[in-house]
Amino acid sequence: MFSEDMRSEKINFTCEPEDKEYLRNWAAKEGRTLSNLVERIVKDAIIKDRENNQPTSNKKETA
């Protein structure tokens, strides 16, 4: 059994039926559940947003 701080939070959102079908097909191609795919997409977006919102002194310089 998970301790209370190890449990995942649930989130619900509404999308167009076509988008849901697209996500279902994408998840199936990757051998994932729809929920797992959406979680991965959200985590990737969070990482990208955090990188984009770092103070300039912490950002990696590009040549």
Protein backbone atom coordinates (compact mmCIF):
# COMPACT_ATOMS: atom_id res chain seq x y z
CA MET A 1 0.00 0.00 0.00
CA PHE A 2 1.22 3.50 -0.79
CA SER A 3 1.88 5.99 1.95
CA GLU A 4 -0.27 9.10 1.74
CA ASP A 5 2.51 11.25 0.22
CA MET A 6 3.24 8.69 -2.55
CA ARG A 7 -0.22 8.76 -4.15
CA SER A 8 -0.80 10.50 -7.42
CA GLU A 9 -3.39 13.21 -7.74
CA LYS A 10 -6.21 12.84 -10.24
CA ILE A 11 -7.06 15.49 -12.77
CA ASN A 12 -9.88 15.62 -15.30
CA PHE A 13 -10.18 17.66 -18.44
CA THR A 14 -12.53 17.93 -21.38
CA CYS A 15 -11.42 17.57 -25.00
CA GLU A 16 -12.92 17.08 -28.41
CA PRO A 17 -13.83 13.48 -29.32
CA GLU A 18 -11.38 13.60 -32.24
CA ASP A 19 -8.56 14.60 -29.89
CA LYS A 20 -9.40 11.79 -27.50
CA GLU A 21 -9.39 9.28 -30.35
CA TYR A 22 -6.04 10.61 -31.57
CA LEU A 23 -4.58 10.25 -28.06
CA ARG A 24 -5.99 6.71 -27.74
CA ASN A 25 -4.35 5.70 -31.02
CA TRP A 26 -1.06 7.35 -30.03
CA ALA A 27 -1.08 5.55 -26.67
CA ALA A 28 -1.83 2.22 -28.36
CA LYS A 29 1.07 2.68 -30.81
CA GLU A 30 3.40 3.20 -27.85
CA GLY A 31 1.93 0.38 -25.78
CA ARG A 32 0.77 2.81 -23.11
CA THR A 33 -2.52 3.53 -21.45
CA LEU A 34 -4.23 6.77 -22.39
CA SER A 35 -3.70 8.03 -18.86
CA ASN A 36 0.02 7.22 -18.94
CA LEU A 37 0.48 8.97 -22.29
CA VAL A 38 -1.28 12.12 -21.08
CA GLU A 39 0.83 12.09 -17.91
CA ARG A 40 4.02 11.89 -20.03
CA ILE A 41 2.87 14.73 -22.28
CA VAL A 42 2.10 16.92 -19.25
CA LYS A 43 5.44 16.12 -17.58
CA ASP A 44 7.31 17.00 -20.80
CA ALA A 45 5.41 20.30 -20.99
CA ILE A 46 6.23 21.11 -17.35
CA ILE A 47 9.94 20.45 -17.93
CA LYS A 48 9.92 22.67 -21.03
CA ASP A 49 8.05 25.45 -19.22
CA ARG A 50 10.44 25.32 -16.26
CA GLU A 51 13.42 25.57 -18.61
CA ASN A 52 11.86 28.55 -20.41
CA ASN A 53 11.07 30.36 -17.16
CA GLN A 54 14.46 30.07 -15.44
CA PRO A 55 16.11 33.37 -14.58
CA THR A 56 18.53 34.39 -17.35
CA SER A 57 21.56 33.82 -15.14
CA ASN A 58 20.64 30.12 -14.80
CA LYS A 59 19.89 29.45 -18.48
CA LYS A 60 22.47 27.64 -20.56
CA GLU A 61 24.11 29.94 -23.05
CA THR A 62 23.83 29.05 -26.71
CA ALA A 63 26.58 29.85 -29.18
